[in-house]
Protein backbone atom coordinates (compact mmCIF):
# COMPACT_ATOMS: atom_id res chain seq x y z
CA UNK A 1 0.00 0.00 0.00
CA UNK A 2 1.74 3.13 -1.23
CA UNK A 3 1.08 6.47 0.41
CA UNK A 4 0.34 9.08 -2.23
CA UNK A 5 0.66 12.24 -0.15
CA UNK A 6 4.03 13.23 1.35
CA UNK A 7 2.17 15.15 4.08
CA UNK A 8 0.84 11.84 5.44
CA UNK A 9 4.35 10.39 5.53
CA UNK A 10 5.66 13.42 7.43
CA UNK A 11 2.73 13.39 9.88
CA UNK A 12 3.25 9.70 10.64
CA UNK A 13 6.99 10.17 11.12
CA UNK A 14 6.45 13.06 13.54
CA UNK A 15 3.84 11.02 15.43
CA UNK A 16 6.22 8.09 15.85
CA UNK A 17 9.02 10.41 16.98
CA UNK A 18 6.71 11.97 19.57
CA UNK A 19 5.78 8.51 20.87
CA UNK A 20 9.50 7.69 21.09
CA UNK A 21 10.12 10.91 23.04
CA UNK A 22 7.46 9.78 25.54
CA UNK A 23 9.08 6.30 25.77
CA UNK A 24 5.93 4.70 24.39
CA UNK A 25 7.74 2.95 21.52
CA UNK A 26 11.22 1.65 20.79
CA UNK A 27 13.05 1.08 17.52
CA UNK A 28 15.19 -1.78 16.26
CA UNK A 29 17.16 -1.76 13.01
CA UNK A 30 19.61 -4.58 12.33
CA UNK A 31 21.44 -2.95 9.40
CA UNK A 32 21.90 0.64 8.24
CA UNK A 33 19.00 1.60 5.95
CA UNK A 34 17.44 -1.78 6.70
CA UNK A 35 13.96 -2.59 7.88
CA UNK A 36 12.91 -0.57 10.92
CA UNK A 37 10.86 -2.36 13.56
CA UNK A 38 8.80 -0.32 16.01
CA UNK A 39 7.64 -1.91 19.26
CA UNK A 40 5.03 -0.62 21.69
CA UNK A 41 6.63 -0.37 25.16
CA UNK A 42 4.26 1.74 27.23
CA UNK A 43 2.05 0.13 29.84
CA UNK A 44 0.51 3.37 31.13
CA UNK A 45 -0.45 5.03 27.87
CA UNK A 46 -4.18 5.80 27.76
CA UNK A 47 -6.62 7.61 25.46
CA UNK A 48 -6.20 10.89 27.36
CA UNK A 49 -2.44 10.84 26.87
CA UNK A 50 -2.94 10.06 23.19
CA UNK A 51 -5.42 12.93 22.81
CA UNK A 52 -2.91 15.36 24.35
CA UNK A 53 0.05 14.40 22.17
CA UNK A 54 1.74 17.54 20.93
CA UNK A 55 -0.16 19.83 23.30
CA UNK A 56 3.12 21.18 24.68
CA UNK A 57 3.94 22.52 21.18
CA UNK A 58 0.78 24.64 20.95
CA UNK A 59 1.03 28.28 21.94
PDB file of N, CA and C in Angstrom:
ATOM      1  N   UNK A   1       0.848  -1.172   0.000  1.00  0.00           N
ATOM      2  CA  UNK A   1       0.000   0.000   0.000  1.00  0.00           C
ATOM      3  C   UNK A   1       0.898   1.241   0.000  1.00  0.00           C
ATOM      4  N   UNK A   2       0.928   1.924  -1.099  1.00  0.00           N
ATOM      5  CA  UNK A   2       1.741   3.128  -1.230  1.00  0.00           C
ATOM      6  C   UNK A   2       0.966   4.347  -0.730  1.00  0.00           C
ATOM      7  N   UNK A   3       1.674   5.220  -0.067  1.00  0.00           N
ATOM      8  CA  UNK A   3       1.079   6.467   0.408  1.00  0.00           C
ATOM      9  C   UNK A   3       1.313   7.515  -0.664  1.00  0.00           C
ATOM     10  N   UNK A   4       0.248   8.153  -1.115  1.00  0.00           N
ATOM     11  CA  UNK A   4       0.337   9.083  -2.235  1.00  0.00           C
ATOM     12  C   UNK A   4       0.672  10.507  -1.826  1.00  0.00           C
ATOM     13  N   UNK A   5       0.453  10.855  -0.591  1.00  0.00           N
ATOM     14  CA  UNK A   5       0.658  12.236  -0.155  1.00  0.00           C
ATOM     15  C   UNK A   5       1.839  12.321   0.811  1.00  0.00           C
ATOM     16  N   UNK A   6       2.873  13.083   0.458  1.00  0.00           N
ATOM     17  CA  UNK A   6       4.028  13.230   1.351  1.00  0.00           C
ATOM     18  C   UNK A   6       3.659  13.792   2.723  1.00  0.00           C
ATOM     19  N   UNK A   7       2.596  14.572   2.793  1.00  0.00           N
ATOM     20  CA  UNK A   7       2.170  15.147   4.076  1.00  0.00           C
ATOM     21  C   UNK A   7       1.809  14.035   5.060  1.00  0.00           C
ATOM     22  N   UNK A   8       1.204  12.970   4.573  1.00  0.00           N
ATOM     23  CA  UNK A   8       0.837  11.842   5.436  1.00  0.00           C
ATOM     24  C   UNK A   8       2.091  11.157   5.967  1.00  0.00           C
ATOM     25  N   UNK A   9       3.088  11.000   5.114  1.00  0.00           N
ATOM     26  CA  UNK A   9       4.350  10.386   5.535  1.00  0.00           C
ATOM     27  C   UNK A   9       5.000  11.223   6.632  1.00  0.00           C
ATOM     28  N   UNK A  10       5.050  12.521   6.448  1.00  0.00           N
ATOM     29  CA  UNK A  10       5.659  13.421   7.435  1.00  0.00           C
ATOM     30  C   UNK A  10       4.876  13.384   8.746  1.00  0.00           C
ATOM     31  N   UNK A  11       3.558  13.413   8.672  1.00  0.00           N
ATOM     32  CA  UNK A  11       2.729  13.385   9.885  1.00  0.00           C
ATOM     33  C   UNK A  11       2.942  12.092  10.665  1.00  0.00           C
ATOM     34  N   UNK A  12       3.018  10.974   9.963  1.00  0.00           N
ATOM     35  CA  UNK A  12       3.249   9.695  10.642  1.00  0.00           C
ATOM     36  C   UNK A  12       4.637   9.643  11.271  1.00  0.00           C
ATOM     37  N   UNK A  13       5.636  10.148  10.571  1.00  0.00           N
ATOM     38  CA  UNK A  13       6.991  10.175  11.116  1.00  0.00           C
ATOM     39  C   UNK A  13       7.041  11.013  12.392  1.00  0.00           C
ATOM     40  N   UNK A  14       6.453  12.193  12.355  1.00  0.00           N
ATOM     41  CA  UNK A  14       6.446  13.057  13.540  1.00  0.00           C
ATOM     42  C   UNK A  14       5.685  12.414  14.697  1.00  0.00           C
ATOM     43  N   UNK A  15       4.615  11.706  14.389  1.00  0.00           N
ATOM     44  CA  UNK A  15       3.843  11.017  15.431  1.00  0.00           C
ATOM     45  C   UNK A  15       4.674   9.934  16.101  1.00  0.00           C
ATOM     46  N   UNK A  16       5.382   9.150  15.296  1.00  0.00           N
ATOM     47  CA  UNK A  16       6.222   8.087  15.849  1.00  0.00           C
ATOM     48  C   UNK A  16       7.362   8.679  16.678  1.00  0.00           C
ATOM     49  N   UNK A  17       7.955   9.767  16.212  1.00  0.00           N
ATOM     50  CA  UNK A  17       9.024  10.407  16.979  1.00  0.00           C
ATOM     51  C   UNK A  17       8.512  10.953  18.312  1.00  0.00           C
ATOM     52  N   UNK A  18       7.305  11.480  18.327  1.00  0.00           N
ATOM     53  CA  UNK A  18       6.710  11.971  19.574  1.00  0.00           C
ATOM     54  C   UNK A  18       6.460  10.808  20.536  1.00  0.00           C
ATOM     55  N   UNK A  19       5.981   9.685  20.022  1.00  0.00           N
ATOM     56  CA  UNK A  19       5.779   8.506  20.866  1.00  0.00           C
ATOM     57  C   UNK A  19       7.110   7.998  21.421  1.00  0.00           C
ATOM     58  N   UNK A  20       8.163   8.084  20.627  1.00  0.00           N
ATOM     59  CA  UNK A  20       9.500   7.694  21.094  1.00  0.00           C
ATOM     60  C   UNK A  20       9.970   8.637  22.206  1.00  0.00           C
ATOM     61  N   UNK A  21       9.731   9.924  22.031  1.00  0.00           N
ATOM     62  CA  UNK A  21      10.118  10.914  23.044  1.00  0.00           C
ATOM     63  C   UNK A  21       9.437  10.626  24.380  1.00  0.00           C
ATOM     64  N   UNK A  22       8.223  10.101  24.327  1.00  0.00           N
ATOM     65  CA  UNK A  22       7.463   9.777  25.535  1.00  0.00           C
ATOM     66  C   UNK A  22       7.744   8.362  26.040  1.00  0.00           C
ATOM     67  N   UNK A  23       8.706   7.684  25.418  1.00  0.00           N
ATOM     68  CA  UNK A  23       9.082   6.301  25.773  1.00  0.00           C
ATOM     69  C   UNK A  23       7.932   5.326  25.598  1.00  0.00           C
ATOM     70  N   UNK A  24       7.049   5.605  24.660  1.00  0.00           N
ATOM     71  CA  UNK A  24       5.933   4.703  24.390  1.00  0.00           C
ATOM     72  C   UNK A  24       6.308   3.631  23.371  1.00  0.00           C
ATOM     73  N   UNK A  25       7.296   3.917  22.529  1.00  0.00           N
ATOM     74  CA  UNK A  25       7.743   2.955  21.524  1.00  0.00           C
ATOM     75  C   UNK A  25       9.270   2.875  21.543  1.00  0.00           C
ATOM     76  N   UNK A  26       9.781   1.781  20.985  1.00  0.00           N
ATOM     77  CA  UNK A  26      11.223   1.647  20.788  1.00  0.00           C
ATOM     78  C   UNK A  26      11.467   1.179  19.359  1.00  0.00           C
ATOM     79  N   UNK A  27      12.679   1.420  18.884  1.00  0.00           N
ATOM     80  CA  UNK A  27      13.048   1.076  17.515  1.00  0.00           C
ATOM     81  C   UNK A  27      14.125   0.004  17.520  1.00  0.00           C
ATOM     82  N   UNK A  28      14.115  -0.814  16.473  1.00  0.00           N
ATOM     83  CA  UNK A  28      15.189  -1.778  16.258  1.00  0.00           C
ATOM     84  C   UNK A  28      15.473  -1.836  14.765  1.00  0.00           C
ATOM     85  N   UNK A  29      16.753  -1.716  14.408  1.00  0.00           N
ATOM     86  CA  UNK A  29      17.160  -1.757  13.010  1.00  0.00           C
ATOM     87  C   UNK A  29      18.474  -2.529  12.951  1.00  0.00           C
ATOM     88  N   UNK A  30      18.449  -3.701  12.320  1.00  0.00           N
ATOM     89  CA  UNK A  30      19.612  -4.576  12.332  1.00  0.00           C
ATOM     90  C   UNK A  30      20.738  -4.088  11.433  1.00  0.00           C
ATOM     91  N   UNK A  31      20.415  -3.437  10.324  1.00  0.00           N
ATOM     92  CA  UNK A  31      21.441  -2.953   9.402  1.00  0.00           C
ATOM     93  C   UNK A  31      21.126  -1.512   9.026  1.00  0.00           C
ATOM     94  N   UNK A  32      22.152  -0.723   8.694  1.00  0.00           N
ATOM     95  CA  UNK A  32      21.897   0.644   8.240  1.00  0.00           C
ATOM     96  C   UNK A  32      20.987   0.642   7.007  1.00  0.00           C
ATOM     97  N   UNK A  33      19.996   1.490   7.019  1.00  0.00           N
ATOM     98  CA  UNK A  33      19.001   1.605   5.946  1.00  0.00           C
ATOM     99  C   UNK A  33      18.179   0.336   5.763  1.00  0.00           C
ATOM    100  N   UNK A  34      18.227  -0.556   6.744  1.00  0.00           N
ATOM    101  CA  UNK A  34      17.444  -1.785   6.697  1.00  0.00           C
ATOM    102  C   UNK A  34      16.041  -1.563   7.235  1.00  0.00           C
ATOM    103  N   UNK A  35      15.326  -2.656   7.379  1.00  0.00           N
ATOM    104  CA  UNK A  35      13.958  -2.595   7.884  1.00  0.00           C
ATOM    105  C   UNK A  35      13.955  -2.072   9.317  1.00  0.00           C
ATOM    106  N   UNK A  36      13.037  -1.178   9.596  1.00  0.00           N
ATOM    107  CA  UNK A  36      12.910  -0.573  10.916  1.00  0.00           C
ATOM    108  C   UNK A  36      11.704  -1.182  11.615  1.00  0.00           C
ATOM    109  N   UNK A  37      11.946  -1.780  12.769  1.00  0.00           N
ATOM    110  CA  UNK A  37      10.862  -2.359  13.561  1.00  0.00           C
ATOM    111  C   UNK A  37      10.542  -1.419  14.711  1.00  0.00           C
ATOM    112  N   UNK A  38       9.260  -1.181  14.919  1.00  0.00           N
ATOM    113  CA  UNK A  38       8.801  -0.319  16.006  1.00  0.00           C
ATOM    114  C   UNK A  38       7.986  -1.174  16.962  1.00  0.00           C
ATOM    115  N   UNK A  39       8.339  -1.120  18.243  1.00  0.00           N
ATOM    116  CA  UNK A  39       7.641  -1.910  19.257  1.00  0.00           C
ATOM    117  C   UNK A  39       6.968  -0.993  20.264  1.00  0.00           C
ATOM    118  N   UNK A  40       5.762  -1.367  20.663  1.00  0.00           N
ATOM    119  CA  UNK A  40       5.026  -0.624  21.686  1.00  0.00           C
ATOM    120  C   UNK A  40       5.560  -1.039  23.043  1.00  0.00           C
ATOM    121  N   UNK A  41       6.022  -0.078  23.864  1.00  0.00           N
ATOM    122  CA  UNK A  41       6.631  -0.371  25.156  1.00  0.00           C
ATOM    123  C   UNK A  41       5.854   0.166  26.346  1.00  0.00           C
ATOM    124  N   UNK A  42       4.930   1.057  26.130  1.00  0.00           N
ATOM    125  CA  UNK A  42       4.264   1.740  27.230  1.00  0.00           C
ATOM    126  C   UNK A  42       3.146   0.892  27.821  1.00  0.00           C
ATOM    127  N   UNK A  43       3.131   0.821  29.147  1.00  0.00           N
ATOM    128  CA  UNK A  43       2.049   0.129  29.841  1.00  0.00           C
ATOM    129  C   UNK A  43       1.003   1.108  30.367  1.00  0.00           C
ATOM    130  N   UNK A  44       1.389   2.369  30.521  1.00  0.00           N
ATOM    131  CA  UNK A  44       0.514   3.368  31.135  1.00  0.00           C
ATOM    132  C   UNK A  44       0.072   4.429  30.144  1.00  0.00           C
ATOM    133  N   UNK A  45      -0.070   4.074  28.903  1.00  0.00           N
ATOM    134  CA  UNK A  45      -0.447   5.028  27.870  1.00  0.00           C
ATOM    135  C   UNK A  45      -1.940   4.866  27.614  1.00  0.00           C
ATOM    136  N   UNK A  46      -2.729   5.905  27.909  1.00  0.00           N
ATOM    137  CA  UNK A  46      -4.177   5.797  27.762  1.00  0.00           C
ATOM    138  C   UNK A  46      -4.696   6.766  26.699  1.00  0.00           C
ATOM    139  N   UNK A  47      -6.000   6.759  26.487  1.00  0.00           N
ATOM    140  CA  UNK A  47      -6.617   7.608  25.465  1.00  0.00           C
ATOM    141  C   UNK A  47      -6.408   9.093  25.748  1.00  0.00           C
ATOM    142  N   UNK A  48      -6.404   9.476  27.015  1.00  0.00           N
ATOM    143  CA  UNK A  48      -6.204  10.887  27.358  1.00  0.00           C
ATOM    144  C   UNK A  48      -4.795  11.343  26.977  1.00  0.00           C
ATOM    145  N   UNK A  49      -3.812  10.515  27.257  1.00  0.00           N
ATOM    146  CA  UNK A  49      -2.438  10.841  26.870  1.00  0.00           C
ATOM    147  C   UNK A  49      -2.331  10.952  25.359  1.00  0.00           C
ATOM    148  N   UNK A  50      -2.952  10.037  24.654  1.00  0.00           N
ATOM    149  CA  UNK A  50      -2.940  10.060  23.192  1.00  0.00           C
ATOM    150  C   UNK A  50      -3.601  11.328  22.660  1.00  0.00           C
ATOM    151  N   UNK A  51      -4.705  11.732  23.254  1.00  0.00           N
ATOM    152  CA  UNK A  51      -5.417  12.929  22.808  1.00  0.00           C
ATOM    153  C   UNK A  51      -4.602  14.197  23.040  1.00  0.00           C
ATOM    154  N   UNK A  52      -3.708  14.175  24.021  1.00  0.00           N
ATOM    155  CA  UNK A  52      -2.913  15.358  24.352  1.00  0.00           C
ATOM    156  C   UNK A  52      -1.525  15.360  23.724  1.00  0.00           C
ATOM    157  N   UNK A  53      -1.250  14.415  22.844  1.00  0.00           N
ATOM    158  CA  UNK A  53       0.052  14.401  22.174  1.00  0.00           C
ATOM    159  C   UNK A  53       0.266  15.716  21.435  1.00  0.00           C
ATOM    160  N   UNK A  54       1.409  16.302  21.621  1.00  0.00           N
ATOM    161  CA  UNK A  54       1.740  17.539  20.929  1.00  0.00           C
ATOM    162  C   UNK A  54       1.183  18.787  21.574  1.00  0.00           C
ATOM    163  N   UNK A  55       0.443  18.659  22.663  1.00  0.00           N
ATOM    164  CA  UNK A  55      -0.157  19.834  23.304  1.00  0.00           C
ATOM    165  C   UNK A  55       0.903  20.809  23.806  1.00  0.00           C
ATOM    166  N   UNK A  56       2.073  20.289  24.178  1.00  0.00           N
ATOM    167  CA  UNK A  56       3.116  21.185  24.677  1.00  0.00           C
ATOM    168  C   UNK A  56       3.768  22.002  23.566  1.00  0.00           C
ATOM    169  N   UNK A  57       3.420  21.737  22.302  1.00  0.00           N
ATOM    170  CA  UNK A  57       3.935  22.523  21.183  1.00  0.00           C
ATOM    171  C   UNK A  57       2.983  23.643  20.772  1.00  0.00           C
ATOM    172  N   UNK A  58       1.761  23.607  21.285  1.00  0.00           N
ATOM    173  CA  UNK A  58       0.782  24.641  20.951  1.00  0.00           C
ATOM    174  C   UNK A  58       1.051  25.889  21.783  1.00  0.00           C
ATOM    175  N   UNK A  59       0.806  27.043  21.174  1.00  0.00           N
ATOM    176  CA  UNK A  59       1.029  28.281  21.936  1.00  0.00           C
ATOM    177  C   UNK A  59      -0.217  29.114  22.014  1.00  0.00           C
TER     178      UNK A  59
END
